[in-house]
């Protein structure tokens, strides 16, 4: 397998996508944060002193999608056509699952934007709840699926990693 982010001399470089076709591209990523029962109740009942945790995390995650090229050195600046972030409360495990879907029409994919969106959303949950309990664990941040581009579609399979 060829590493495309290095030139012939081994120097880091941004991949040249100027010859690629513009296509519709979508990526979906998800991850979870495990919290204590106290934190879970505070999120669920919207009693965290800093405000509505999931609303703030949603906005932060979308902003993270938009700012990915500023955080990941070799990412291209993309014109996103849509970014959504949703949450699922999992009371049996005291977890919050974040799911981020990002779309564009361009020459390169939006996988990093979706992964960044999830990561920033989970970090925001941590930040807003750390005064209650700092023992939160972010985990299983991964690409669920992607569509478009030369490499085609991808679907995460649990046993494939």
Protein backbone atom coordinates (compact mmCIF):
# COMPACT_ATOMS: atom_id res chain seq x y z
CA UNK A 1 0.00 0.00 0.00
CA UNK A 2 1.31 3.42 -0.96
CA UNK A 3 1.25 6.24 1.58
CA UNK A 4 -0.07 9.27 -0.28
CA UNK A 5 0.85 11.88 2.35
CA UNK A 6 4.59 11.50 1.69
CA UNK A 7 6.63 12.51 -1.34
CA UNK A 8 9.47 10.46 -2.88
CA UNK A 9 11.92 11.88 -0.31
CA UNK A 10 9.66 10.98 2.65
CA UNK A 11 8.50 14.52 3.30
CA UNK A 12 4.94 15.10 4.46
CA UNK A 13 2.66 16.61 1.83
CA UNK A 14 -0.97 17.36 1.14
CA UNK A 15 -2.38 15.00 -1.49
CA UNK A 16 -2.97 16.72 -4.85
CA UNK A 17 -6.66 16.18 -5.69
CA UNK A 18 -6.77 18.61 -8.62
CA UNK A 19 -7.17 15.77 -11.16
CA UNK A 20 -10.06 14.09 -9.33
CA UNK A 21 -13.69 14.39 -10.33
CA UNK A 22 -16.20 16.22 -8.17
CA UNK A 23 -18.60 13.69 -6.67
CA UNK A 24 -21.16 13.58 -3.88
CA UNK A 25 -19.50 12.33 -0.71
CA UNK A 26 -20.92 11.35 2.67
CA UNK A 27 -19.34 10.04 5.86
CA UNK A 28 -20.90 8.85 9.11
CA UNK A 29 -18.89 8.48 12.32
CA UNK A 30 -19.87 7.64 15.86
CA UNK A 31 -18.42 7.30 19.32
CA UNK A 32 -19.51 7.08 22.93
CA UNK A 33 -18.71 8.58 26.28
CA UNK A 34 -19.28 6.55 29.42
CA UNK A 35 -20.28 8.64 32.42
CA UNK A 36 -21.32 8.10 36.02
CA UNK A 37 -24.99 7.74 36.93
CA UNK A 38 -24.88 11.22 38.45
CA UNK A 39 -23.56 12.76 35.23
CA UNK A 40 -25.99 10.75 33.12
CA UNK A 41 -28.96 12.00 35.19
CA UNK A 42 -27.71 15.59 35.00
CA UNK A 43 -27.41 15.37 31.20
CA UNK A 44 -30.79 13.67 30.86
CA UNK A 45 -32.56 16.12 33.19
CA UNK A 46 -30.68 19.15 31.77
CA UNK A 47 -29.44 20.22 35.20
CA UNK A 48 -25.73 20.69 34.39
CA UNK A 49 -24.76 24.19 35.59
CA UNK A 50 -23.03 25.07 32.30
CA UNK A 51 -26.27 24.56 30.35
CA UNK A 52 -27.96 22.04 28.05
CA UNK A 53 -25.05 19.66 27.45
CA UNK A 54 -26.31 17.94 24.31
CA UNK A 55 -27.34 21.15 22.56
CA UNK A 56 -23.96 22.74 23.22
CA UNK A 57 -22.15 19.52 22.21
CA UNK A 58 -24.19 19.40 19.00
CA UNK A 59 -23.17 22.92 18.01
CA UNK A 60 -19.55 22.25 19.00
CA UNK A 61 -19.44 19.04 16.95
CA UNK A 62 -20.78 20.78 13.86
CA UNK A 63 -18.22 23.55 14.35
CA UNK A 64 -15.54 20.85 14.66
CA UNK A 65 -16.60 19.45 11.27
CA UNK A 66 -16.25 22.89 9.72
CA UNK A 67 -12.82 23.51 11.26
CA UNK A 68 -11.21 20.10 10.61
CA UNK A 69 -8.67 21.42 8.10
CA UNK A 70 -7.34 23.77 10.79
CA UNK A 71 -6.76 20.86 13.19
CA UNK A 72 -5.53 18.01 10.98
CA UNK A 73 -2.43 19.19 9.06
CA UNK A 74 -2.93 17.40 5.73
CA UNK A 75 -6.72 17.78 5.45
CA UNK A 76 -8.13 19.81 2.61
CA UNK A 77 -10.40 22.75 3.30
CA UNK A 78 -13.85 21.52 2.19
CA UNK A 79 -17.09 23.26 1.38
CA UNK A 80 -19.48 21.15 3.45
CA UNK A 81 -23.05 20.94 2.21
CA UNK A 82 -24.41 19.43 5.44
CA UNK A 83 -23.30 18.36 8.90
CA UNK A 84 -25.58 16.82 11.49
CA UNK A 85 -24.86 15.53 14.95
CA UNK A 86 -27.29 13.43 16.97
CA UNK A 87 -27.13 11.78 20.36
CA UNK A 88 -28.56 8.63 21.85
CA UNK A 89 -28.79 8.26 25.62
CA UNK A 90 -28.01 4.69 26.73
CA UNK A 91 -29.21 4.46 30.35
CA UNK A 92 -28.33 0.77 30.84
CA UNK A 93 -24.62 1.53 30.30
CA UNK A 94 -24.59 5.22 31.35
CA UNK A 95 -23.30 6.21 27.94
CA UNK A 96 -24.06 8.86 25.39
CA UNK A 97 -23.56 7.84 21.76
CA UNK A 98 -22.79 10.63 19.29
CA UNK A 99 -23.38 10.14 15.57
CA UNK A 100 -22.13 12.64 12.99
CA UNK A 101 -23.05 12.71 9.29
CA UNK A 102 -21.19 15.04 6.94
CA UNK A 103 -21.79 15.70 3.24
CA UNK A 104 -20.04 17.55 0.46
CA UNK A 105 -19.68 17.64 -3.29
CA UNK A 106 -15.99 17.66 -3.92
CA UNK A 107 -12.75 15.96 -4.88
CA UNK A 108 -11.98 14.40 -1.51
CA UNK A 109 -13.96 12.70 1.23
CA UNK A 110 -15.38 13.92 4.52
CA UNK A 111 -14.34 11.06 6.81
CA UNK A 112 -12.04 13.26 8.89
CA UNK A 113 -14.76 15.87 9.27
CA UNK A 114 -17.24 13.29 10.60
CA UNK A 115 -14.65 11.83 12.99
CA UNK A 116 -13.67 15.30 14.19
CA UNK A 117 -17.32 16.22 14.72
CA UNK A 118 -17.88 13.20 16.96
CA UNK A 119 -14.64 13.80 18.86
CA UNK A 120 -15.37 17.48 19.52
CA UNK A 121 -18.92 16.68 20.61
CA UNK A 122 -17.69 14.08 23.11
CA UNK A 123 -14.96 16.41 24.36
CA UNK A 124 -17.60 19.08 24.89
CA UNK A 125 -19.70 16.68 26.97
CA UNK A 126 -16.60 15.97 29.05
CA UNK A 127 -15.85 19.67 29.48
CA UNK A 128 -19.38 20.55 30.52
CA UNK A 129 -19.65 17.68 33.03
CA UNK A 130 -16.15 17.46 34.50
CA UNK A 131 -17.15 19.50 37.56
CA UNK A 132 -19.52 16.66 38.49
CA UNK A 133 -17.15 13.76 37.78
CA UNK A 134 -13.89 13.58 35.82
CA UNK A 135 -13.96 9.78 35.36
CA UNK A 136 -15.68 9.89 31.94
CA UNK A 137 -14.28 7.67 29.17
CA UNK A 138 -14.56 8.42 25.47
CA UNK A 139 -14.39 5.27 23.37
CA UNK A 140 -15.11 3.53 20.10
CA UNK A 141 -14.78 6.62 17.91
CA UNK A 142 -14.86 5.21 14.39
CA UNK A 143 -16.02 5.62 10.82
CA UNK A 144 -19.36 3.83 10.37
CA UNK A 145 -19.71 4.33 6.64
CA UNK A 146 -18.65 6.48 3.74
CA UNK A 147 -19.97 6.94 0.22
CA UNK A 148 -18.54 8.46 -2.93
CA UNK A 149 -15.13 8.91 -4.43
CA UNK A 150 -12.73 6.62 -6.25
CA UNK A 151 -12.50 4.07 -3.44
CA UNK A 152 -16.28 3.64 -3.35
CA UNK A 153 -18.44 2.78 -0.39
CA UNK A 154 -17.20 1.61 3.01
CA UNK A 155 -19.19 0.04 5.84
CA UNK A 156 -17.67 -0.68 9.25
CA UNK A 157 -17.78 -4.35 10.22
CA UNK A 158 -17.09 -5.18 13.85
CA UNK A 159 -14.87 -8.18 13.06
CA UNK A 160 -13.02 -6.32 10.29
CA UNK A 161 -10.73 -4.34 12.61
